[in-house]
Protein backbone atom coordinates (compact mmCIF):
# COMPACT_ATOMS: atom_id res chain seq x y z
CA UNK A 1 66.18 185.98 158.94
CA UNK A 2 69.77 186.48 157.86
CA UNK A 3 70.90 186.04 161.46
CA UNK A 4 69.10 182.69 161.76
CA UNK A 5 70.68 181.49 158.51
CA UNK A 6 74.11 182.55 159.78
CA UNK A 7 73.65 180.73 163.12
CA UNK A 8 72.44 177.58 161.33
CA UNK A 9 75.40 177.66 158.95
CA UNK A 10 77.77 178.13 161.87
CA UNK A 11 76.24 175.20 163.76
CA UNK A 12 76.42 172.97 160.69
CA UNK A 13 80.07 173.90 160.18
CA UNK A 14 80.92 173.16 163.81
CA UNK A 15 79.06 169.83 163.71
CA UNK A 16 80.96 168.86 160.58
CA UNK A 17 84.28 169.78 162.14
CA UNK A 18 83.55 167.86 165.36
CA UNK A 19 82.26 164.69 163.67
CA UNK A 20 84.57 164.33 160.65
CA UNK A 21 87.39 162.52 162.48
CA UNK A 22 84.98 160.15 164.20
CA UNK A 23 83.20 159.31 160.95
CA UNK A 24 86.52 158.59 159.21
CA UNK A 25 87.63 156.44 162.16
CA UNK A 26 84.38 154.44 162.05
CA UNK A 27 84.66 153.97 158.27
CA UNK A 28 88.24 152.76 158.65
CA UNK A 29 87.30 150.34 161.43
CA UNK A 30 84.42 149.00 159.31
CA UNK A 31 86.74 148.52 156.33
CA UNK A 32 89.29 146.57 158.43
CA UNK A 33 86.56 144.37 159.92
CA UNK A 34 85.59 143.47 156.37
CA UNK A 35 89.23 142.76 155.45
CA UNK A 36 89.54 140.43 158.44
CA UNK A 37 86.27 138.67 157.55
CA UNK A 38 87.41 138.10 153.96
CA UNK A 39 90.89 136.87 154.84
CA UNK A 40 89.86 134.97 157.98
CA UNK A 41 93.09 136.20 159.56
CA UNK A 42 93.70 139.15 161.84
CA UNK A 43 95.43 141.55 159.47
CA UNK A 44 97.61 144.24 160.97
CA UNK A 45 97.16 147.61 159.31
CA UNK A 46 100.94 148.13 159.64
CA UNK A 47 101.56 145.46 157.01
CA UNK A 48 99.32 146.92 154.32
CA UNK A 49 100.97 147.26 150.94
CA UNK A 50 98.39 148.24 148.33
CA UNK A 51 99.73 148.37 144.79
CA UNK A 52 97.31 149.54 142.14
CA UNK A 53 94.39 148.54 144.40
CA UNK A 54 95.80 145.05 144.93
CA UNK A 55 97.27 143.73 148.17
CA UNK A 56 98.97 140.35 147.91
CA UNK A 57 99.04 138.15 151.00
CA UNK A 58 101.50 135.26 151.21
CA UNK A 59 98.77 132.64 151.56
CA UNK A 60 97.85 132.76 147.86
CA UNK A 61 95.16 135.33 148.46
CA UNK A 62 94.96 138.86 147.08
CA UNK A 63 92.65 141.58 148.30
CA UNK A 64 91.42 143.84 145.55
CA UNK A 65 89.68 147.22 145.90
CA UNK A 66 87.40 148.48 143.17
CA UNK A 67 84.69 150.97 142.39
CA UNK A 68 81.78 150.75 140.02
CA UNK A 69 78.85 153.01 139.18
CA UNK A 70 75.53 151.87 140.63
CA UNK A 71 72.05 153.33 140.50
CA UNK A 72 72.66 155.81 143.32
CA UNK A 73 76.32 156.57 142.72
CA UNK A 74 79.66 154.85 143.26
CA UNK A 75 79.76 151.41 144.85
CA UNK A 76 83.06 150.55 146.56
CA UNK A 77 83.99 146.88 146.50
CA UNK A 78 86.54 144.71 148.29
CA UNK A 79 87.17 141.20 146.96
CA UNK A 80 89.35 138.34 148.08
CA UNK A 81 90.74 136.48 145.07
CA UNK A 82 92.51 133.15 145.31
CA UNK A 83 95.72 133.08 143.27
CA UNK A 84 98.06 130.34 142.06
CA UNK A 85 96.80 127.23 143.89
CA UNK A 86 93.13 127.55 142.96
CA UNK A 87 93.34 128.67 139.36
CA UNK A 88 91.15 126.56 137.15
CA UNK A 89 92.39 124.93 133.95
CA UNK A 90 92.02 128.16 131.98
CA UNK A 91 94.10 130.10 134.49
CA UNK A 92 91.31 132.26 135.90
CA UNK A 93 91.36 133.74 139.37
CA UNK A 94 88.73 132.44 141.74
CA UNK A 95 86.62 134.75 143.90
CA UNK A 96 86.77 133.77 147.57
CA UNK A 97 84.53 136.54 148.84
CA UNK A 98 83.16 140.00 148.18
CA UNK A 99 82.14 142.91 150.39
CA UNK A 100 80.51 146.20 149.50
CA UNK A 101 82.40 148.70 151.63
CA UNK A 102 80.44 151.86 150.70
CA UNK A 103 77.48 152.75 148.53
CA UNK A 104 74.59 155.16 148.04
CA UNK A 105 72.06 152.71 146.66
CA UNK A 106 68.35 152.96 147.41
CA UNK A 107 67.50 151.72 150.93
CA UNK A 108 65.03 148.86 150.93
CA UNK A 109 65.82 147.86 147.36
CA UNK A 110 69.57 147.32 147.57
CA UNK A 111 69.75 146.24 151.23
CA UNK A 112 71.10 142.85 150.16
CA UNK A 113 74.52 144.37 149.40
CA UNK A 114 74.95 145.21 153.10
CA UNK A 115 74.49 141.55 154.04
CA UNK A 116 77.62 139.48 153.31
CA UNK A 117 75.66 136.27 153.96
CA UNK A 118 72.97 137.15 151.39
CA UNK A 119 72.58 134.17 148.99
CA UNK A 120 73.28 136.29 145.88
CA UNK A 121 76.59 137.58 147.28
CA UNK A 122 77.47 134.12 148.61
CA UNK A 123 76.85 132.70 145.12
CA UNK A 124 79.69 134.86 143.79
CA UNK A 125 82.22 132.97 145.92
CA UNK A 126 84.19 130.31 144.04
CA UNK A 127 83.33 131.77 140.64
CA UNK A 128 85.93 132.72 138.07
CA UNK A 129 85.75 135.74 135.75
CA UNK A 130 83.93 133.84 133.00
CA UNK A 131 81.26 132.60 135.40
CA UNK A 132 80.74 136.09 136.87
CA UNK A 133 79.49 137.23 133.47
CA UNK A 134 76.74 134.58 133.55
CA UNK A 135 75.32 135.42 137.00
CA UNK A 136 71.73 136.67 136.95
CA UNK A 137 70.91 140.13 138.31
CA UNK A 138 68.76 140.54 141.40
CA UNK A 139 65.13 141.25 140.51
CA UNK A 140 64.18 144.76 141.60
CA UNK A 141 67.84 145.78 141.96
CA UNK A 142 69.00 145.04 138.45
CA UNK A 143 71.18 148.13 138.01
CA UNK A 144 72.86 147.66 141.40
CA UNK A 145 73.54 143.95 140.99
CA UNK A 146 74.78 144.34 137.40
CA UNK A 147 77.07 147.16 138.55
CA UNK A 148 78.55 144.88 141.22
CA UNK A 149 79.10 142.12 138.67
CA UNK A 150 80.70 144.57 136.25
CA UNK A 151 82.97 145.91 139.01
CA UNK A 152 83.96 142.44 140.20
CA UNK A 153 84.69 141.33 136.65
CA UNK A 154 86.94 144.38 136.13
CA UNK A 155 88.71 143.68 139.43
CA UNK A 156 89.63 140.15 138.34
CA UNK A 157 91.43 141.66 135.33
CA UNK A 158 93.70 144.06 137.26
CA UNK A 159 97.26 143.77 135.88
CA UNK A 160 98.74 143.97 139.41
CA UNK A 161 97.22 140.55 140.17
CA UNK A 162 99.93 138.87 138.11
CA UNK A 163 102.63 140.22 140.44
CA UNK A 164 104.05 137.75 142.94
CA UNK A 165 104.57 140.31 145.72
CA UNK A 166 103.15 139.40 149.08
CA UNK A 167 103.52 140.32 152.72
CA UNK A 168 106.84 139.31 154.35
């Protein structure tokens, strides 16, 4: 019995070692596809300059990374926020788009967060921070959707957003 456990542990360790690099590569490729979808430009990974989870682009857009606690664990978010030109009268940043880059939420219940064209996620576009606080949660996925709203609201308040740095 001990021999079988040892062989199984060895096989699991080898599988982990063989697949780790590929998994990380796939996660990175998925993240950059989402960046390109949000910015609608082909972003070169060479030009990335994240500062405090904010990356300013010269077109008035900032990409913001964030994390919030959902029902099943951490939810990683990526938002495109319009700066300067699209601030409303009160000076709020406007959400251009949002992607959930990683999560551990319950399959079947929180599937909507994997679909960027889901109406609830699409509704978040063009909202400012005040309006985000008034968005209704998704029935059946209340904890998940409230966590996303809480995370997005926190991301719009990042101090690094006031910086004028952008890509050359």
